[in-house]
Amino acid sequence: MLKDQVKMTKDLQKYRKKIDKIDKKLQKHLEKREILVKKIGKVKKENKIGTTDKAREKEILGKIKNAYVKKIFKSIIEISKETQR
């Protein structure tokens, strides 16, 4: 029993380390994305364009087949629109 718990703990640590590496990359890319989102928001404000672009949202989400990833991107889009306001 104890041997199984040790293996499980090691497996969890291994997987979590992999997730941590991915999360670090995601964080850097999301920070870069935020900068671009703010620039887009500025252009939209200067040109009196609304923050919502349904065609663009459909284009982005249409390329994503994985439901997990699509759900995350829906959140990213909503947060991006909030940032642009």
PDB file of N, CA and C in Angstrom:
ATOM      1  N   MET A   1       0.827  -1.203   0.000  1.00  0.00           N
ATOM      2  CA  MET A   1       0.000   0.000   0.000  1.00  0.00           C
ATOM      3  C   MET A   1       0.867   1.261   0.000  1.00  0.00           C
ATOM      4  N   LEU A   2       1.838   1.317   0.881  1.00  0.00           N
ATOM      5  CA  LEU A   2       2.714   2.486   0.969  1.00  0.00           C
ATOM      6  C   LEU A   2       3.496   2.672  -0.325  1.00  0.00           C
ATOM      7  N   LYS A   3       3.933   1.572  -0.915  1.00  0.00           N
ATOM      8  CA  LYS A   3       4.671   1.616  -2.172  1.00  0.00           C
ATOM      9  C   LYS A   3       3.816   2.226  -3.283  1.00  0.00           C
ATOM     10  N   ASP A   4       2.532   1.874  -3.307  1.00  0.00           N
ATOM     11  CA  ASP A   4       1.603   2.437  -4.290  1.00  0.00           C
ATOM     12  C   ASP A   4       1.424   3.938  -4.087  1.00  0.00           C
ATOM     13  N   GLN A   5       1.348   4.371  -2.845  1.00  0.00           N
ATOM     14  CA  GLN A   5       1.197   5.797  -2.545  1.00  0.00           C
ATOM     15  C   GLN A   5       2.433   6.591  -2.969  1.00  0.00           C
ATOM     16  N   VAL A   6       3.596   6.020  -2.750  1.00  0.00           N
ATOM     17  CA  VAL A   6       4.845   6.671  -3.151  1.00  0.00           C
ATOM     18  C   VAL A   6       4.880   6.829  -4.669  1.00  0.00           C
ATOM     19  N   LYS A   7       4.516   5.766  -5.377  1.00  0.00           N
ATOM     20  CA  LYS A   7       4.487   5.824  -6.845  1.00  0.00           C
ATOM     21  C   LYS A   7       3.488   6.864  -7.323  1.00  0.00           C
ATOM     22  N   MET A   8       2.306   6.888  -6.707  1.00  0.00           N
ATOM     23  CA  MET A   8       1.291   7.847  -7.081  1.00  0.00           C
ATOM     24  C   MET A   8       1.806   9.269  -6.864  1.00  0.00           C
ATOM     25  N   THR A   9       2.444   9.503  -5.717  1.00  0.00           N
ATOM     26  CA  THR A   9       2.977  10.824  -5.403  1.00  0.00           C
ATOM     27  C   THR A   9       4.042  11.230  -6.421  1.00  0.00           C
ATOM     28  N   LYS A  10       4.923  10.301  -6.774  1.00  0.00           N
ATOM     29  CA  LYS A  10       5.960  10.589  -7.766  1.00  0.00           C
ATOM     30  C   LYS A  10       5.345  10.897  -9.128  1.00  0.00           C
ATOM     31  N   ASP A  11       4.321  10.129  -9.497  1.00  0.00           N
ATOM     32  CA  ASP A  11       3.629  10.372 -10.768  1.00  0.00           C
ATOM     33  C   ASP A  11       2.995  11.762 -10.770  1.00  0.00           C
ATOM     34  N   LEU A  12       2.313  12.096  -9.673  1.00  0.00           N
ATOM     35  CA  LEU A  12       1.690  13.417  -9.578  1.00  0.00           C
ATOM     36  C   LEU A  12       2.727  14.524  -9.691  1.00  0.00           C
ATOM     37  N   GLN A  13       3.846  14.369  -9.013  1.00  0.00           N
ATOM     38  CA  GLN A  13       4.912  15.371  -9.077  1.00  0.00           C
ATOM     39  C   GLN A  13       5.449  15.520 -10.494  1.00  0.00           C
ATOM     40  N   LYS A  14       5.626  14.393 -11.165  1.00  0.00           N
ATOM     41  CA  LYS A  14       6.132  14.405 -12.543  1.00  0.00           C
ATOM     42  C   LYS A  14       5.166  15.155 -13.461  1.00  0.00           C
ATOM     43  N   TYR A  15       3.881  14.842 -13.359  1.00  0.00           N
ATOM     44  CA  TYR A  15       2.877  15.488 -14.199  1.00  0.00           C
ATOM     45  C   TYR A  15       2.739  16.967 -13.861  1.00  0.00           C
ATOM     46  N   ARG A  16       2.802  17.293 -12.593  1.00  0.00           N
ATOM     47  CA  ARG A  16       2.685  18.688 -12.181  1.00  0.00           C
ATOM     48  C   ARG A  16       3.874  19.520 -12.656  1.00  0.00           C
ATOM     49  N   LYS A  17       5.057  18.927 -12.671  1.00  0.00           N
ATOM     50  CA  LYS A  17       6.227  19.636 -13.201  1.00  0.00           C
ATOM     51  C   LYS A  17       6.034  19.953 -14.677  1.00  0.00           C
ATOM     52  N   LYS A  18       5.481  18.992 -15.413  1.00  0.00           N
ATOM     53  CA  LYS A  18       5.211  19.212 -16.833  1.00  0.00           C
ATOM     54  C   LYS A  18       4.179  20.327 -17.014  1.00  0.00           C
ATOM     55  N   ILE A  19       3.146  20.301 -16.188  1.00  0.00           N
ATOM     56  CA  ILE A  19       2.120  21.343 -16.250  1.00  0.00           C
ATOM     57  C   ILE A  19       2.716  22.696 -15.899  1.00  0.00           C
ATOM     58  N   ASP A  20       3.583  22.740 -14.909  1.00  0.00           N
ATOM     59  CA  ASP A  20       4.230  24.002 -14.522  1.00  0.00           C
ATOM     60  C   ASP A  20       5.014  24.610 -15.685  1.00  0.00           C
ATOM     61  N   LYS A  21       5.713  23.775 -16.442  1.00  0.00           N
ATOM     62  CA  LYS A  21       6.470  24.261 -17.601  1.00  0.00           C
ATOM     63  C   LYS A  21       5.533  24.836 -18.660  1.00  0.00           C
ATOM     64  N   ILE A  22       4.452  24.131 -18.905  1.00  0.00           N
ATOM     65  CA  ILE A  22       3.461  24.607 -19.874  1.00  0.00           C
ATOM     66  C   ILE A  22       2.837  25.905 -19.388  1.00  0.00           C
ATOM     67  N   ASP A  23       2.477  25.958 -18.110  1.00  0.00           N
ATOM     68  CA  ASP A  23       1.857  27.160 -17.539  1.00  0.00           C
ATOM     69  C   ASP A  23       2.767  28.375 -17.654  1.00  0.00           C
ATOM     70  N   LYS A  24       4.054  28.170 -17.475  1.00  0.00           N
ATOM     71  CA  LYS A  24       5.012  29.275 -17.580  1.00  0.00           C
ATOM     72  C   LYS A  24       5.006  29.839 -19.003  1.00  0.00           C
ATOM     73  N   LYS A  25       4.984  28.950 -19.991  1.00  0.00           N
ATOM     74  CA  LYS A  25       4.929  29.391 -21.392  1.00  0.00           C
ATOM     75  C   LYS A  25       3.604  30.089 -21.693  1.00  0.00           C
ATOM     76  N   LEU A  26       2.518  29.511 -21.199  1.00  0.00           N
ATOM     77  CA  LEU A  26       1.201  30.120 -21.405  1.00  0.00           C
ATOM     78  C   LEU A  26       1.148  31.528 -20.819  1.00  0.00           C
ATOM     79  N   GLN A  27       1.694  31.672 -19.623  1.00  0.00           N
ATOM     80  CA  GLN A  27       1.685  32.975 -18.966  1.00  0.00           C
ATOM     81  C   GLN A  27       2.411  34.017 -19.815  1.00  0.00           C
ATOM     82  N   LYS A  28       3.575  33.675 -20.335  1.00  0.00           N
ATOM     83  CA  LYS A  28       4.332  34.610 -21.175  1.00  0.00           C
ATOM     84  C   LYS A  28       3.537  34.989 -22.426  1.00  0.00           C
ATOM     85  N   HIS A  29       2.923  34.001 -23.061  1.00  0.00           N
ATOM     86  CA  HIS A  29       2.154  34.281 -24.271  1.00  0.00           C
ATOM     87  C   HIS A  29       0.898  35.102 -23.969  1.00  0.00           C
ATOM     88  N   LEU A  30       0.263  34.826 -22.852  1.00  0.00           N
ATOM     89  CA  LEU A  30      -0.933  35.593 -22.489  1.00  0.00           C
ATOM     90  C   LEU A  30      -0.579  37.031 -22.145  1.00  0.00           C
ATOM     91  N   GLU A  31       0.580  37.246 -21.552  1.00  0.00           N
ATOM     92  CA  GLU A  31       1.021  38.613 -21.264  1.00  0.00           C
ATOM     93  C   GLU A  31       1.286  39.371 -22.566  1.00  0.00           C
ATOM     94  N   LYS A  32       1.892  38.715 -23.545  1.00  0.00           N
ATOM     95  CA  LYS A  32       2.108  39.329 -24.859  1.00  0.00           C
ATOM     96  C   LYS A  32       0.768  39.616 -25.530  1.00  0.00           C
ATOM     97  N   ARG A  33      -0.157  38.685 -25.371  1.00  0.00           N
ATOM     98  CA  ARG A  33      -1.487  38.853 -25.961  1.00  0.00           C
ATOM     99  C   ARG A  33      -2.200  40.059 -25.361  1.00  0.00           C
ATOM    100  N   GLU A  34      -2.047  40.238 -24.060  1.00  0.00           N
ATOM    101  CA  GLU A  34      -2.686  41.374 -23.387  1.00  0.00           C
ATOM    102  C   GLU A  34      -2.201  42.701 -23.968  1.00  0.00           C
ATOM    103  N   ILE A  35      -0.915  42.796 -24.231  1.00  0.00           N
ATOM    104  CA  ILE A  35      -0.357  44.021 -24.814  1.00  0.00           C
ATOM    105  C   ILE A  35      -1.018  44.306 -26.162  1.00  0.00           C
ATOM    106  N   LEU A  36      -1.147  43.274 -26.976  1.00  0.00           N
ATOM    107  CA  LEU A  36      -1.774  43.441 -28.285  1.00  0.00           C
ATOM    108  C   LEU A  36      -3.258  43.777 -28.165  1.00  0.00           C
ATOM    109  N   VAL A  37      -3.928  43.153 -27.222  1.00  0.00           N
ATOM    110  CA  VAL A  37      -5.350  43.423 -26.994  1.00  0.00           C
ATOM    111  C   VAL A  37      -5.551  44.896 -26.634  1.00  0.00           C
ATOM    112  N   LYS A  38      -4.672  45.434 -25.800  1.00  0.00           N
ATOM    113  CA  LYS A  38      -4.774  46.847 -25.417  1.00  0.00           C
ATOM    114  C   LYS A  38      -4.546  47.759 -26.615  1.00  0.00           C
ATOM    115  N   LYS A  39      -3.612  47.396 -27.477  1.00  0.00           N
ATOM    116  CA  LYS A  39      -3.366  48.190 -28.691  1.00  0.00           C
ATOM    117  C   LYS A  39      -4.579  48.155 -29.610  1.00  0.00           C
ATOM    118  N   ILE A  40      -5.171  46.974 -29.743  1.00  0.00           N
ATOM    119  CA  ILE A  40      -6.382  46.847 -30.562  1.00  0.00           C
ATOM    120  C   ILE A  40      -7.505  47.692 -29.954  1.00  0.00           C
ATOM    121  N   GLY A  41      -7.637  47.652 -28.629  1.00  0.00           N
ATOM    122  CA  GLY A  41      -8.653  48.459 -27.961  1.00  0.00           C
ATOM    123  C   GLY A  41      -8.479  49.939 -28.220  1.00  0.00           C
ATOM    124  N   LYS A  42      -7.231  50.388 -28.231  1.00  0.00           N
ATOM    125  CA  LYS A  42      -6.943  51.802 -28.496  1.00  0.00           C
ATOM    126  C   LYS A  42      -7.370  52.177 -29.912  1.00  0.00           C
ATOM    127  N   VAL A  43      -7.043  51.341 -30.884  1.00  0.00           N
ATOM    128  CA  VAL A  43      -7.437  51.585 -32.272  1.00  0.00           C
ATOM    129  C   VAL A  43      -8.961  51.609 -32.395  1.00  0.00           C
ATOM    130  N   LYS A  44      -9.615  50.679 -31.725  1.00  0.00           N
ATOM    131  CA  LYS A  44     -11.079  50.629 -31.788  1.00  0.00           C
ATOM    132  C   LYS A  44     -11.695  51.890 -31.180  1.00  0.00           C
ATOM    133  N   LYS A  45     -11.158  52.350 -30.049  1.00  0.00           N
ATOM    134  CA  LYS A  45     -11.680  53.563 -29.418  1.00  0.00           C
ATOM    135  C   LYS A  45     -11.474  54.783 -30.312  1.00  0.00           C
ATOM    136  N   GLU A  46     -10.277  54.882 -30.873  1.00  0.00           N
ATOM    137  CA  GLU A  46      -9.975  56.019 -31.747  1.00  0.00           C
ATOM    138  C   GLU A  46     -10.893  56.058 -32.965  1.00  0.00           C
ATOM    139  N   ASN A  47     -11.325  54.903 -33.416  1.00  0.00           N
ATOM    140  CA  ASN A  47     -12.170  54.812 -34.605  1.00  0.00           C
ATOM    141  C   ASN A  47     -13.632  54.530 -34.275  1.00  0.00           C
ATOM    142  N   LYS A  48     -13.941  54.625 -32.976  1.00  0.00           N
ATOM    143  CA  LYS A  48     -15.310  54.430 -32.498  1.00  0.00           C
ATOM    144  C   LYS A  48     -15.909  53.103 -32.984  1.00  0.00           C
ATOM    145  N   ILE A  49     -15.109  52.045 -32.825  1.00  0.00           N
ATOM    146  CA  ILE A  49     -15.543  50.692 -33.186  1.00  0.00           C
ATOM    147  C   ILE A  49     -15.830  49.942 -31.893  1.00  0.00           C
ATOM    148  N   GLY A  50     -16.911  49.188 -31.864  1.00  0.00           N
ATOM    149  CA  GLY A  50     -17.258  48.408 -30.676  1.00  0.00           C
ATOM    150  C   GLY A  50     -16.241  47.310 -30.402  1.00  0.00           C
ATOM    151  N   THR A  51     -16.219  46.856 -29.163  1.00  0.00           N
ATOM    152  CA  THR A  51     -15.248  45.830 -28.780  1.00  0.00           C
ATOM    153  C   THR A  51     -15.625  44.435 -29.278  1.00  0.00           C
ATOM    154  N   THR A  52     -16.898  44.197 -29.532  1.00  0.00           N
ATOM    155  CA  THR A  52     -17.341  42.871 -29.955  1.00  0.00           C
ATOM    156  C   THR A  52     -17.317  42.756 -31.469  1.00  0.00           C
ATOM    157  N   ASP A  53     -16.653  41.717 -31.930  1.00  0.00           N
ATOM    158  CA  ASP A  53     -16.598  41.402 -33.358  1.00  0.00           C
ATOM    159  C   ASP A  53     -16.968  39.921 -33.497  1.00  0.00           C
ATOM    160  N   LYS A  54     -18.266  39.681 -33.666  1.00  0.00           N
ATOM    161  CA  LYS A  54     -18.780  38.309 -33.704  1.00  0.00           C
ATOM    162  C   LYS A  54     -18.128  37.476 -34.808  1.00  0.00           C
ATOM    163  N   ALA A  55     -17.853  38.095 -35.953  1.00  0.00           N
ATOM    164  CA  ALA A  55     -17.225  37.356 -37.050  1.00  0.00           C
ATOM    165  C   ALA A  55     -15.825  36.891 -36.644  1.00  0.00           C
ATOM    166  N   ARG A  56     -15.081  37.768 -35.973  1.00  0.00           N
ATOM    167  CA  ARG A  56     -13.733  37.405 -35.525  1.00  0.00           C
ATOM    168  C   ARG A  56     -13.795  36.302 -34.468  1.00  0.00           C
ATOM    169  N   GLU A  57     -14.739  36.412 -33.543  1.00  0.00           N
ATOM    170  CA  GLU A  57     -14.898  35.382 -32.511  1.00  0.00           C
ATOM    171  C   GLU A  57     -15.220  34.032 -33.151  1.00  0.00           C
ATOM    172  N   LYS A  58     -16.121  34.044 -34.125  1.00  0.00           N
ATOM    173  CA  LYS A  58     -16.497  32.815 -34.815  1.00  0.00           C
ATOM    174  C   LYS A  58     -15.302  32.233 -35.553  1.00  0.00           C
ATOM    175  N   GLU A  59     -14.492  33.112 -36.159  1.00  0.00           N
ATOM    176  CA  GLU A  59     -13.289  32.677 -36.874  1.00  0.00           C
ATOM    177  C   GLU A  59     -12.307  31.983 -35.923  1.00  0.00           C
ATOM    178  N   ILE A  60     -12.069  32.603 -34.777  1.00  0.00           N
ATOM    179  CA  ILE A  60     -11.132  32.044 -33.790  1.00  0.00           C
ATOM    180  C   ILE A  60     -11.646  30.717 -33.253  1.00  0.00           C
ATOM    181  N   LEU A  61     -12.882  30.713 -32.778  1.00  0.00           N
ATOM    182  CA  LEU A  61     -13.440  29.514 -32.157  1.00  0.00           C
ATOM    183  C   LEU A  61     -13.667  28.387 -33.163  1.00  0.00           C
ATOM    184  N   GLY A  62     -13.911  28.755 -34.418  1.00  0.00           N
ATOM    185  CA  GLY A  62     -14.146  27.752 -35.463  1.00  0.00           C
ATOM    186  C   GLY A  62     -12.916  26.908 -35.769  1.00  0.00           C
ATOM    187  N   LYS A  63     -11.742  27.445 -35.470  1.00  0.00           N
ATOM    188  CA  LYS A  63     -10.490  26.722 -35.727  1.00  0.00           C
ATOM    189  C   LYS A  63     -10.165  25.718 -34.619  1.00  0.00           C
ATOM    190  N   ILE A  64     -10.884  25.818 -33.504  1.00  0.00           N
ATOM    191  CA  ILE A  64     -10.570  24.994 -32.332  1.00  0.00           C
ATOM    192  C   ILE A  64     -11.537  23.820 -32.255  1.00  0.00           C
ATOM    193  N   LYS A  65     -10.988  22.629 -32.274  1.00  0.00           N
ATOM    194  CA  LYS A  65     -11.829  21.424 -32.231  1.00  0.00           C
ATOM    195  C   LYS A  65     -11.967  20.862 -30.812  1.00  0.00           C
ATOM    196  N   ASN A  66     -10.956  21.061 -30.000  1.00  0.00           N
ATOM    197  CA  ASN A  66     -10.935  20.507 -28.648  1.00  0.00           C
ATOM    198  C   ASN A  66     -11.850  21.330 -27.728  1.00  0.00           C
ATOM    199  N   ALA A  67     -12.832  20.690 -27.104  1.00  0.00           N
ATOM    200  CA  ALA A  67     -13.820  21.386 -26.257  1.00  0.00           C
ATOM    201  C   ALA A  67     -13.166  22.087 -25.068  1.00  0.00           C
ATOM    202  N   TYR A  68     -12.165  21.465 -24.483  1.00  0.00           N
ATOM    203  CA  TYR A  68     -11.444  22.047 -23.334  1.00  0.00           C
ATOM    204  C   TYR A  68     -10.779  23.354 -23.742  1.00  0.00           C
ATOM    205  N   VAL A  69     -10.087  23.330 -24.869  1.00  0.00           N
ATOM    206  CA  VAL A  69      -9.385  24.511 -25.364  1.00  0.00           C
ATOM    207  C   VAL A  69     -10.385  25.583 -25.795  1.00  0.00           C
ATOM    208  N   LYS A  70     -11.466  25.160 -26.425  1.00  0.00           N
ATOM    209  CA  LYS A  70     -12.490  26.117 -26.874  1.00  0.00           C
ATOM    210  C   LYS A  70     -13.077  26.870 -25.681  1.00  0.00           C
ATOM    211  N   LYS A  71     -13.333  26.166 -24.606  1.00  0.00           N
ATOM    212  CA  LYS A  71     -13.883  26.801 -23.396  1.00  0.00           C
ATOM    213  C   LYS A  71     -12.913  27.854 -22.856  1.00  0.00           C
ATOM    214  N   ILE A  72     -11.636  27.530 -22.858  1.00  0.00           N
ATOM    215  CA  ILE A  72     -10.618  28.475 -22.389  1.00  0.00           C
ATOM    216  C   ILE A  72     -10.580  29.697 -23.306  1.00  0.00           C
ATOM    217  N   PHE A  73     -10.629  29.472 -24.616  1.00  0.00           N
ATOM    218  CA  PHE A  73     -10.581  30.594 -25.548  1.00  0.00           C
ATOM    219  C   PHE A  73     -11.817  31.484 -25.446  1.00  0.00           C
ATOM    220  N   LYS A  74     -12.963  30.919 -25.131  1.00  0.00           N
ATOM    221  CA  LYS A  74     -14.153  31.743 -24.915  1.00  0.00           C
ATOM    222  C   LYS A  74     -13.905  32.704 -23.749  1.00  0.00           C
ATOM    223  N   SER A  75     -13.269  32.216 -22.706  1.00  0.00           N
ATOM    224  CA  SER A  75     -12.935  33.067 -21.564  1.00  0.00           C
ATOM    225  C   SER A  75     -11.912  34.121 -21.965  1.00  0.00           C
ATOM    226  N   ILE A  76     -10.920  33.726 -22.733  1.00  0.00           N
ATOM    227  CA  ILE A  76      -9.899  34.670 -23.187  1.00  0.00           C
ATOM    228  C   ILE A  76     -10.540  35.789 -24.000  1.00  0.00           C
ATOM    229  N   ILE A  77     -11.458  35.442 -24.877  1.00  0.00           N
ATOM    230  CA  ILE A  77     -12.147  36.444 -25.696  1.00  0.00           C
ATOM    231  C   ILE A  77     -12.929  37.412 -24.818  1.00  0.00           C
ATOM    232  N   GLU A  78     -13.663  36.893 -23.846  1.00  0.00           N
ATOM    233  CA  GLU A  78     -14.443  37.758 -22.955  1.00  0.00           C
ATOM    234  C   GLU A  78     -13.531  38.696 -22.159  1.00  0.00           C
ATOM    235  N   ILE A  79     -12.439  38.162 -21.630  1.00  0.00           N
ATOM    236  CA  ILE A  79     -11.501  38.989 -20.869  1.00  0.00           C
ATOM    237  C   ILE A  79     -10.861  40.030 -21.783  1.00  0.00           C
ATOM    238  N   SER A  80     -10.579  39.650 -23.018  1.00  0.00           N
ATOM    239  CA  SER A  80     -10.004  40.598 -23.979  1.00  0.00           C
ATOM    240  C   SER A  80     -10.958  41.751 -24.250  1.00  0.00           C
ATOM    241  N   LYS A  81     -12.244  41.440 -24.394  1.00  0.00           N
ATOM    242  CA  LYS A  81     -13.234  42.509 -24.635  1.00  0.00           C
ATOM    243  C   LYS A  81     -13.326  43.441 -23.421  1.00  0.00           C
ATOM    244  N   GLU A  82     -13.264  42.876 -22.222  1.00  0.00           N
ATOM    245  CA  GLU A  82     -13.277  43.696 -21.012  1.00  0.00           C
ATOM    246  C   GLU A  82     -12.054  44.608 -20.972  1.00  0.00           C
ATOM    247  N   THR A  83     -10.914  44.082 -21.358  1.00  0.00           N
ATOM    248  CA  THR A  83      -9.655  44.847 -21.368  1.00  0.00           C
ATOM    249  C   THR A  83      -9.719  45.986 -22.381  1.00  0.00           C
ATOM    250  N   GLN A  84     -10.398  45.763 -23.491  1.00  0.00           N
ATOM    251  CA  GLN A  84     -10.500  46.784 -24.539  1.00  0.00           C
ATOM    252  C   GLN A  84     -11.448  47.926 -24.170  1.00  0.00           C
ATOM    253  N   ARG A  85     -12.330  47.696 -23.242  1.00  0.00           N
ATOM    254  CA  ARG A  85     -13.322  48.736 -22.890  1.00  0.00           C
ATOM    255  C   ARG A  85     -12.691  49.852 -22.112  1.00  0.00           C
TER     256      ARG A  85
END
